[in-house]
N, C-alpha and C. Protein backbone atom coordinates (compact mmCIF):
# COMPACT_ATOMS: atom_id res chain seq x y z
N UNK A 1 -13.78 -13.88 9.35
CA UNK A 1 -13.88 -13.17 8.09
C UNK A 1 -12.45 -12.75 7.77
N UNK A 2 -11.78 -12.14 8.68
CA UNK A 2 -10.33 -11.57 8.30
C UNK A 2 -9.46 -12.71 8.04
N UNK A 3 -9.60 -13.94 8.62
CA UNK A 3 -8.74 -14.94 8.49
C UNK A 3 -8.53 -15.32 7.06
N UNK A 4 -9.64 -15.35 6.21
CA UNK A 4 -9.44 -15.92 4.85
C UNK A 4 -8.81 -14.91 3.88
N UNK A 5 -8.74 -13.59 4.41
CA UNK A 5 -7.99 -12.69 3.50
C UNK A 5 -6.58 -12.18 4.17
N UNK A 6 -6.07 -13.00 5.05
CA UNK A 6 -4.88 -12.56 5.78
C UNK A 6 -3.76 -12.52 4.74
N UNK A 7 -3.62 -13.39 3.64
CA UNK A 7 -2.54 -13.28 2.69
C UNK A 7 -2.51 -11.87 1.94
N UNK A 8 -3.88 -11.52 1.57
CA UNK A 8 -3.96 -10.19 1.05
C UNK A 8 -3.56 -9.04 1.92
N UNK A 9 -3.89 -9.18 3.09
CA UNK A 9 -3.54 -8.11 4.14
C UNK A 9 -2.02 -8.04 4.30
N UNK A 10 -1.41 -9.30 4.29
CA UNK A 10 -0.01 -9.16 4.41
C UNK A 10 0.58 -8.42 3.23
N UNK A 11 0.29 -8.86 2.12
CA UNK A 11 0.77 -8.28 0.98
C UNK A 11 0.65 -6.85 0.95
N UNK A 12 -0.57 -6.23 1.37
CA UNK A 12 -0.78 -4.81 1.48
C UNK A 12 0.29 -4.20 2.43
N UNK A 13 0.35 -4.87 3.66
CA UNK A 13 1.47 -4.30 4.47
C UNK A 13 2.86 -4.38 4.04
N UNK A 14 3.13 -5.46 3.36
CA UNK A 14 4.45 -5.58 2.84
C UNK A 14 4.71 -4.57 1.81
N UNK A 15 3.72 -4.07 0.93
CA UNK A 15 4.12 -3.16 -0.08
C UNK A 15 4.28 -1.70 0.59
N UNK A 16 3.88 -1.55 1.76
CA UNK A 16 4.24 -0.22 2.50
C UNK A 16 5.51 -0.36 3.28
N UNK A 17 5.66 -1.54 4.02
CA UNK A 17 6.83 -1.70 4.87
C UNK A 17 8.01 -2.20 4.24
N UNK A 18 7.91 -2.90 3.12
CA UNK A 18 9.02 -3.59 2.37
C UNK A 18 9.95 -4.46 3.08
N UNK A 19 9.58 -5.00 4.03
CA UNK A 19 10.30 -6.16 4.75
C UNK A 19 9.28 -6.94 5.49
N UNK A 20 9.64 -8.26 5.61
CA UNK A 20 8.59 -9.15 6.32
C UNK A 20 8.38 -8.96 7.75
N UNK A 21 9.31 -8.60 8.54
CA UNK A 21 9.17 -8.33 9.96
C UNK A 21 8.15 -7.30 10.34
N UNK A 22 8.40 -6.03 9.65
CA UNK A 22 7.63 -4.83 9.77
C UNK A 22 6.13 -5.16 9.32
N UNK A 23 6.05 -5.87 8.13
CA UNK A 23 4.71 -6.15 7.67
C UNK A 23 3.91 -7.04 8.57
N UNK A 24 4.64 -7.95 9.23
CA UNK A 24 3.88 -8.90 10.05
C UNK A 24 3.40 -8.11 11.31
N UNK A 25 4.39 -7.02 11.75
CA UNK A 25 3.91 -6.25 12.98
C UNK A 25 2.76 -5.32 12.54
N UNK A 26 2.74 -4.90 11.34
CA UNK A 26 1.57 -4.05 10.96
C UNK A 26 0.33 -4.81 11.00
N UNK A 27 0.24 -6.04 10.62
CA UNK A 27 -0.81 -6.87 10.37
C UNK A 27 -1.32 -7.23 11.88
N UNK A 28 -0.47 -7.41 12.74
CA UNK A 28 -0.78 -7.93 14.12
C UNK A 28 -1.35 -6.58 14.81
N UNK A 29 -0.68 -5.50 14.58
CA UNK A 29 -1.14 -4.31 15.24
C UNK A 29 -2.57 -3.79 14.59
N UNK A 30 -2.71 -4.10 13.44
CA UNK A 30 -4.04 -3.70 12.76
C UNK A 30 -5.14 -4.58 13.33
N UNK A 31 -4.97 -5.86 13.51
CA UNK A 31 -5.90 -6.80 14.10
C UNK A 31 -6.16 -6.31 15.48
N UNK A 32 -5.21 -5.92 16.36
CA UNK A 32 -5.59 -5.51 17.65
C UNK A 32 -6.40 -4.13 17.63
N UNK A 33 -6.05 -3.26 16.68
CA UNK A 33 -6.79 -2.04 16.51
C UNK A 33 -8.22 -2.40 16.20
N UNK A 34 -8.33 -3.28 15.29
CA UNK A 34 -9.75 -3.68 14.75
C UNK A 34 -10.60 -4.26 15.92
N UNK A 35 -9.88 -5.21 16.67
CA UNK A 35 -10.69 -5.77 17.81
C UNK A 35 -11.09 -4.71 18.90
N UNK A 36 -10.12 -3.80 19.12
CA UNK A 36 -10.43 -2.69 20.03
C UNK A 36 -11.67 -1.79 19.62
N UNK A 37 -11.83 -1.64 18.25
CA UNK A 37 -12.70 -0.69 17.69
C UNK A 37 -13.79 -1.40 16.86
N UNK A 38 -14.04 -2.67 17.21
CA UNK A 38 -15.11 -3.43 16.55
C UNK A 38 -16.49 -2.87 16.59
N UNK A 39 -16.70 -2.18 17.70
CA UNK A 39 -17.98 -1.58 17.76
C UNK A 39 -18.16 -0.39 16.93
N UNK A 40 -17.08 0.08 16.19
CA UNK A 40 -17.15 1.21 15.27
C UNK A 40 -17.67 0.85 13.98
N UNK A 41 -17.64 -0.60 13.79
CA UNK A 41 -17.87 -0.98 12.42
C UNK A 41 -19.55 -1.06 12.41
N UNK A 42 -20.03 -0.31 11.26
CA UNK A 42 -21.44 -0.19 11.15
C UNK A 42 -22.11 -1.36 10.56
N UNK A 43 -21.54 -1.86 9.48
CA UNK A 43 -22.02 -2.92 8.75
C UNK A 43 -20.99 -4.10 8.47
N UNK A 44 -21.42 -5.29 8.91
CA UNK A 44 -20.45 -6.31 8.81
C UNK A 44 -20.07 -6.57 7.41
N UNK A 45 -20.87 -6.28 6.28
CA UNK A 45 -20.39 -6.50 4.95
C UNK A 45 -19.24 -5.62 4.47
N UNK A 46 -18.99 -4.50 5.33
CA UNK A 46 -17.96 -3.59 4.95
C UNK A 46 -16.69 -3.90 5.85
N UNK A 47 -16.60 -5.08 6.60
CA UNK A 47 -15.45 -5.37 7.33
C UNK A 47 -14.10 -5.45 6.62
N UNK A 48 -14.04 -5.91 5.51
CA UNK A 48 -12.86 -6.06 4.71
C UNK A 48 -12.35 -4.63 4.47
N UNK A 49 -13.12 -3.76 3.90
CA UNK A 49 -12.71 -2.48 3.51
C UNK A 49 -12.38 -1.62 4.83
N UNK A 50 -13.12 -1.78 5.99
CA UNK A 50 -12.87 -1.21 7.12
C UNK A 50 -11.55 -1.69 7.64
N UNK A 51 -11.28 -2.85 7.60
CA UNK A 51 -9.92 -3.31 8.20
C UNK A 51 -8.74 -2.93 7.15
N UNK A 52 -8.96 -2.93 5.88
CA UNK A 52 -8.03 -2.48 5.00
C UNK A 52 -7.59 -1.11 5.23
N UNK A 53 -8.59 -0.21 5.67
CA UNK A 53 -8.34 1.18 5.97
C UNK A 53 -7.42 1.26 7.23
N UNK A 54 -7.74 0.49 8.12
CA UNK A 54 -7.02 0.31 9.48
C UNK A 54 -5.58 -0.04 9.15
N UNK A 55 -5.35 -1.06 8.27
CA UNK A 55 -4.08 -1.63 7.86
C UNK A 55 -3.36 -0.51 7.34
N UNK A 56 -3.85 0.28 6.42
CA UNK A 56 -3.09 1.27 5.64
C UNK A 56 -2.69 2.48 6.60
N UNK A 57 -3.61 2.84 7.54
CA UNK A 57 -3.26 3.92 8.48
C UNK A 57 -2.24 3.41 9.35
N UNK A 58 -2.23 2.21 9.79
CA UNK A 58 -1.24 1.54 10.73
C UNK A 58 0.14 1.44 10.05
N UNK A 59 0.01 1.16 8.62
CA UNK A 59 1.33 1.23 7.91
C UNK A 59 1.86 2.55 7.92
N UNK A 60 1.13 3.55 7.57
CA UNK A 60 1.59 4.83 7.52
C UNK A 60 2.12 5.37 8.80
N UNK A 61 1.45 5.08 9.89
CA UNK A 61 1.85 5.51 11.11
C UNK A 61 3.26 4.84 11.60
N UNK A 62 3.41 3.54 11.31
CA UNK A 62 4.66 2.90 11.60
C UNK A 62 5.79 3.42 10.83
N UNK A 63 5.46 3.83 9.34
CA UNK A 63 6.52 4.33 8.62
C UNK A 63 7.01 5.63 9.21
N UNK A 64 6.04 6.47 9.66
CA UNK A 64 6.48 7.74 10.27
C UNK A 64 7.30 7.51 11.52
N UNK A 65 6.86 6.64 12.31
CA UNK A 65 7.54 6.22 13.67
C UNK A 65 9.03 5.80 13.26
N UNK A 66 9.10 4.91 12.36
CA UNK A 66 10.47 4.46 11.94
C UNK A 66 11.42 5.60 11.43
N UNK A 67 10.75 6.38 10.74
CA UNK A 67 11.50 7.61 10.08
C UNK A 67 11.89 8.50 11.22
N UNK A 68 11.12 8.75 12.26
CA UNK A 68 11.50 9.62 13.41
C UNK A 68 12.65 8.95 14.15
N UNK A 69 12.57 7.59 14.43
CA UNK A 69 13.39 6.96 15.38
C UNK A 69 14.84 6.80 14.59
N UNK A 70 14.86 6.50 13.37
CA UNK A 70 15.96 6.16 12.46
C UNK A 70 15.92 6.63 11.13
N UNK A 71 16.35 8.06 10.85
CA UNK A 71 16.13 8.51 9.57
C UNK A 71 16.82 7.74 8.42
N UNK A 72 17.89 6.99 8.72
CA UNK A 72 18.56 6.28 7.71
C UNK A 72 18.01 4.88 7.53
N UNK A 73 16.86 4.49 8.08
CA UNK A 73 16.28 3.19 7.98
C UNK A 73 15.78 2.92 6.49
N UNK A 74 15.37 4.11 5.93
CA UNK A 74 14.90 3.99 4.61
C UNK A 74 16.12 3.79 3.58
N UNK A 75 17.18 4.20 3.90
CA UNK A 75 18.35 3.97 3.04
C UNK A 75 18.63 2.47 3.14
N UNK A 76 18.76 2.00 4.36
CA UNK A 76 19.12 0.61 4.60
C UNK A 76 17.95 -0.40 3.83
N UNK A 77 16.72 0.10 3.97
CA UNK A 77 15.56 -0.62 3.22
C UNK A 77 15.86 -0.74 1.75
N UNK A 78 16.23 0.52 1.21
CA UNK A 78 16.48 0.67 -0.23
C UNK A 78 17.57 -0.27 -0.69
N UNK A 79 18.70 -0.35 0.19
CA UNK A 79 19.80 -1.32 -0.15
C UNK A 79 19.31 -2.77 -0.17
N UNK A 80 18.56 -3.14 0.68
CA UNK A 80 18.05 -4.47 0.80
C UNK A 80 17.17 -4.75 -0.36
N UNK A 81 16.38 -3.81 -0.81
CA UNK A 81 15.36 -3.83 -1.76
C UNK A 81 16.22 -4.06 -3.22
N UNK A 82 17.33 -3.28 -3.33
CA UNK A 82 18.22 -3.34 -4.46
C UNK A 82 18.83 -4.69 -4.63
N UNK A 83 19.17 -5.33 -3.53
CA UNK A 83 19.83 -6.68 -3.66
C UNK A 83 18.61 -7.61 -4.22
N UNK A 84 17.55 -7.51 -3.77
CA UNK A 84 16.36 -8.40 -4.28
C UNK A 84 16.08 -8.05 -5.71
N UNK A 85 16.28 -6.67 -5.92
CA UNK A 85 15.81 -6.21 -7.43
C UNK A 85 16.77 -6.76 -8.47
N UNK A 86 17.99 -7.07 -8.10
CA UNK A 86 18.91 -7.77 -8.99
C UNK A 86 18.32 -8.98 -9.71
N UNK A 87 17.59 -9.76 -8.88
CA UNK A 87 16.95 -10.98 -9.32
C UNK A 87 15.66 -10.69 -10.08
N UNK A 88 15.13 -9.51 -10.16
CA UNK A 88 13.84 -9.19 -10.68
C UNK A 88 14.07 -8.71 -12.17
N UNK A 89 13.02 -8.76 -12.94
CA UNK A 89 13.15 -8.23 -14.29
C UNK A 89 13.18 -6.72 -14.24
N UNK A 90 13.76 -6.06 -15.24
CA UNK A 90 13.87 -4.61 -15.26
C UNK A 90 12.53 -3.81 -15.31
N UNK A 91 11.58 -4.55 -15.93
CA UNK A 91 10.33 -3.90 -15.94
C UNK A 91 9.62 -3.98 -14.71
N UNK A 92 9.72 -5.03 -13.77
CA UNK A 92 9.27 -5.02 -12.55
C UNK A 92 9.87 -3.91 -11.65
N UNK A 93 11.25 -3.71 -11.76
CA UNK A 93 11.88 -2.73 -11.05
C UNK A 93 11.53 -1.32 -11.37
N UNK A 94 11.29 -1.24 -12.71
CA UNK A 94 10.73 0.14 -13.18
C UNK A 94 9.37 0.49 -12.63
N UNK A 95 8.52 -0.54 -12.57
CA UNK A 95 7.26 -0.46 -12.06
C UNK A 95 7.13 -0.15 -10.66
N UNK A 96 7.96 -0.76 -9.83
CA UNK A 96 7.86 -0.55 -8.37
C UNK A 96 8.58 0.99 -8.13
N UNK A 97 9.59 1.25 -8.93
CA UNK A 97 10.11 2.67 -8.70
C UNK A 97 9.09 3.74 -9.12
N UNK A 98 8.30 3.42 -10.12
CA UNK A 98 7.26 4.34 -10.55
C UNK A 98 6.20 4.40 -9.45
N UNK A 99 5.89 3.19 -8.90
CA UNK A 99 4.83 3.33 -7.84
C UNK A 99 5.35 4.05 -6.62
N UNK A 100 6.66 3.90 -6.35
CA UNK A 100 7.30 4.71 -5.22
C UNK A 100 7.31 6.23 -5.40
N UNK A 101 7.00 6.69 -6.50
CA UNK A 101 6.96 8.23 -6.80
C UNK A 101 5.64 8.70 -6.60
N UNK A 102 4.65 7.87 -6.42
CA UNK A 102 3.34 8.40 -6.07
C UNK A 102 3.14 8.87 -4.63
N UNK A 103 2.28 9.84 -4.43
CA UNK A 103 1.90 10.23 -3.06
C UNK A 103 1.11 8.96 -2.38
N UNK A 104 0.86 9.25 -1.01
CA UNK A 104 0.23 8.13 -0.20
C UNK A 104 -1.15 7.72 -0.81
N UNK A 105 -1.96 8.68 -1.10
CA UNK A 105 -3.28 8.42 -1.55
C UNK A 105 -3.41 7.68 -2.90
N UNK A 106 -2.37 8.10 -3.81
CA UNK A 106 -2.37 7.49 -5.09
C UNK A 106 -1.88 6.13 -5.05
N UNK A 107 -0.76 6.06 -4.17
CA UNK A 107 -0.20 4.63 -4.07
C UNK A 107 -1.36 3.60 -3.48
N UNK A 108 -2.06 4.12 -2.51
CA UNK A 108 -3.07 3.24 -1.86
C UNK A 108 -4.08 2.87 -2.88
N UNK A 109 -4.56 3.78 -3.67
CA UNK A 109 -5.58 3.47 -4.68
C UNK A 109 -5.16 2.55 -5.71
N UNK A 110 -3.79 2.78 -6.28
CA UNK A 110 -3.24 1.78 -7.25
C UNK A 110 -3.12 0.53 -6.54
N UNK A 111 -2.62 0.31 -5.42
CA UNK A 111 -2.29 -0.99 -4.74
C UNK A 111 -3.76 -1.75 -4.62
N UNK A 112 -4.64 -1.02 -4.07
CA UNK A 112 -6.02 -1.57 -3.94
C UNK A 112 -6.59 -2.07 -5.14
N UNK A 113 -6.60 -1.27 -6.17
CA UNK A 113 -7.31 -1.45 -7.44
C UNK A 113 -6.58 -2.57 -8.29
N UNK A 114 -5.27 -2.50 -8.32
CA UNK A 114 -4.54 -3.51 -9.36
C UNK A 114 -3.79 -4.54 -8.60
N UNK A 115 -3.30 -4.30 -7.56
CA UNK A 115 -2.53 -5.40 -6.84
C UNK A 115 -3.54 -6.37 -6.05
N UNK A 116 -4.57 -5.68 -5.42
CA UNK A 116 -5.54 -6.46 -4.64
C UNK A 116 -6.77 -6.64 -5.27
N UNK A 117 -6.93 -6.21 -6.54
CA UNK A 117 -8.09 -6.28 -7.49
C UNK A 117 -9.34 -5.97 -6.86
N UNK A 118 -9.37 -4.75 -6.05
CA UNK A 118 -10.62 -4.25 -5.42
C UNK A 118 -11.57 -3.57 -6.60
N UNK A 119 -12.82 -3.55 -6.46
CA UNK A 119 -13.60 -2.72 -7.35
C UNK A 119 -13.45 -1.28 -7.02
N UNK A 120 -13.72 -0.45 -8.05
CA UNK A 120 -13.46 1.01 -7.63
C UNK A 120 -14.42 1.45 -6.52
N UNK A 121 -15.62 0.93 -6.35
CA UNK A 121 -16.51 1.38 -5.19
C UNK A 121 -15.78 1.06 -3.97
N UNK A 122 -15.22 -0.34 -3.85
CA UNK A 122 -14.48 -0.70 -2.62
C UNK A 122 -13.29 0.15 -2.34
N UNK A 123 -12.65 0.49 -3.35
CA UNK A 123 -11.37 1.31 -3.21
C UNK A 123 -11.77 2.71 -2.53
N UNK A 124 -12.87 3.26 -3.16
CA UNK A 124 -13.44 4.57 -2.70
C UNK A 124 -13.72 4.52 -1.38
N UNK A 125 -14.53 3.52 -1.01
CA UNK A 125 -15.01 3.27 0.51
C UNK A 125 -13.87 3.23 1.40
N UNK A 126 -12.80 2.40 0.95
CA UNK A 126 -11.55 2.20 1.73
C UNK A 126 -10.78 3.40 2.03
N UNK A 127 -10.67 4.32 0.97
CA UNK A 127 -9.82 5.42 1.22
C UNK A 127 -10.64 6.59 1.61
N UNK A 128 -11.96 6.34 1.71
CA UNK A 128 -12.88 7.46 2.25
C UNK A 128 -13.04 8.64 1.35
N UNK A 129 -13.15 8.36 0.05
CA UNK A 129 -13.18 9.46 -0.89
C UNK A 129 -14.43 9.15 -1.83
N UNK A 130 -15.10 10.17 -2.33
CA UNK A 130 -16.12 9.95 -3.20
C UNK A 130 -15.67 9.11 -4.56
N UNK A 131 -16.41 8.47 -5.06
CA UNK A 131 -16.18 7.54 -6.27
C UNK A 131 -15.55 8.30 -7.42
N UNK A 132 -16.03 9.47 -7.63
CA UNK A 132 -15.45 10.18 -8.78
C UNK A 132 -14.08 10.85 -8.45
N UNK A 133 -13.96 11.14 -7.14
CA UNK A 133 -12.60 11.63 -6.72
C UNK A 133 -11.61 10.46 -6.79
N UNK A 134 -12.00 9.31 -6.36
CA UNK A 134 -11.02 8.12 -6.38
C UNK A 134 -10.77 7.82 -7.91
N UNK A 135 -11.62 7.91 -8.80
CA UNK A 135 -11.42 7.62 -10.12
C UNK A 135 -10.38 8.70 -10.72
N UNK A 136 -10.57 10.03 -10.33
CA UNK A 136 -9.66 10.99 -10.85
C UNK A 136 -8.19 10.73 -10.25
N UNK A 137 -8.15 10.48 -9.16
CA UNK A 137 -6.80 10.13 -8.54
C UNK A 137 -6.16 9.07 -9.21
N UNK A 138 -6.98 7.94 -9.37
CA UNK A 138 -6.49 6.70 -10.00
C UNK A 138 -5.89 7.06 -11.44
N UNK A 139 -6.67 7.88 -12.23
CA UNK A 139 -6.16 8.03 -13.69
C UNK A 139 -5.05 8.96 -13.55
N UNK A 140 -5.03 9.88 -12.76
CA UNK A 140 -3.82 10.85 -12.63
C UNK A 140 -2.52 10.02 -12.21
N UNK A 141 -2.75 9.02 -11.12
CA UNK A 141 -1.65 8.26 -10.76
C UNK A 141 -1.12 7.29 -11.91
N UNK A 142 -2.00 6.86 -12.73
CA UNK A 142 -1.66 5.99 -13.84
C UNK A 142 -0.89 6.83 -14.84
N UNK A 143 -1.33 8.12 -15.11
CA UNK A 143 -0.55 8.96 -15.99
C UNK A 143 0.81 9.16 -15.42
N UNK A 144 0.89 9.40 -14.20
CA UNK A 144 2.29 9.77 -13.72
C UNK A 144 3.15 8.40 -13.81
N UNK A 145 2.62 7.35 -13.49
CA UNK A 145 3.41 6.17 -13.64
C UNK A 145 3.79 5.96 -15.08
N UNK A 146 2.93 6.20 -16.09
CA UNK A 146 3.22 5.97 -17.48
C UNK A 146 4.37 6.80 -17.79
N UNK A 147 4.27 8.03 -17.42
CA UNK A 147 5.38 9.19 -17.69
C UNK A 147 6.71 8.59 -17.09
N UNK A 148 6.63 8.22 -15.85
CA UNK A 148 7.86 7.66 -15.22
C UNK A 148 8.50 6.49 -15.92
N UNK A 149 7.59 5.63 -16.33
CA UNK A 149 8.06 4.40 -16.97
C UNK A 149 8.66 4.85 -18.36
N UNK A 150 7.90 5.73 -19.12
CA UNK A 150 8.53 6.09 -20.39
C UNK A 150 9.87 6.85 -20.17
N UNK A 151 9.97 7.58 -19.23
CA UNK A 151 11.39 8.35 -18.84
C UNK A 151 12.35 7.21 -18.65
N UNK A 152 12.07 6.19 -17.79
CA UNK A 152 12.94 5.10 -17.51
C UNK A 152 13.31 4.38 -18.78
N UNK A 153 12.47 4.18 -19.72
CA UNK A 153 12.62 3.49 -20.99
C UNK A 153 13.57 4.34 -21.90
N UNK A 154 13.38 5.59 -21.80
CA UNK A 154 14.31 6.54 -22.67
C UNK A 154 15.65 6.60 -22.18
N UNK A 155 15.69 6.57 -20.90
CA UNK A 155 17.17 6.56 -20.29
C UNK A 155 17.91 5.53 -20.19
N UNK A 156 17.32 4.23 -20.81
CA UNK A 156 18.08 3.02 -20.87
C UNK A 156 19.17 2.95 -21.98
């Protein structure tokens, strides 16, 4: 079941880690954690959202671990991202910057809803929040992104 969604899981990990090597590590670590805790899965129909939650938590944990080990790792990652960003359109760069300004919950909800095309109910289940709370966070995050994008447009 997880095999058919591996590209989606990789994209999610990559959106957190911002490099191929760490994203692959996150996916591999998440698969190991999922197999270790397979007995915790209550219903097989929720395996995808269950695994996505594991993937997000593993990504967050690895980011914290990297930050503790090497505080300037994020500066180096940003430099690598800037090299790649030169080849991207300005609007895409602004969108990614705006996404980076969100907190972890907001970012996870936006990524799941718009980048991975999850239904709101699935997003809610994945981030373990009530549906209405998820909707509120989603719309607040979209407003933040809109303000950030408008500011970027004004400053050009």
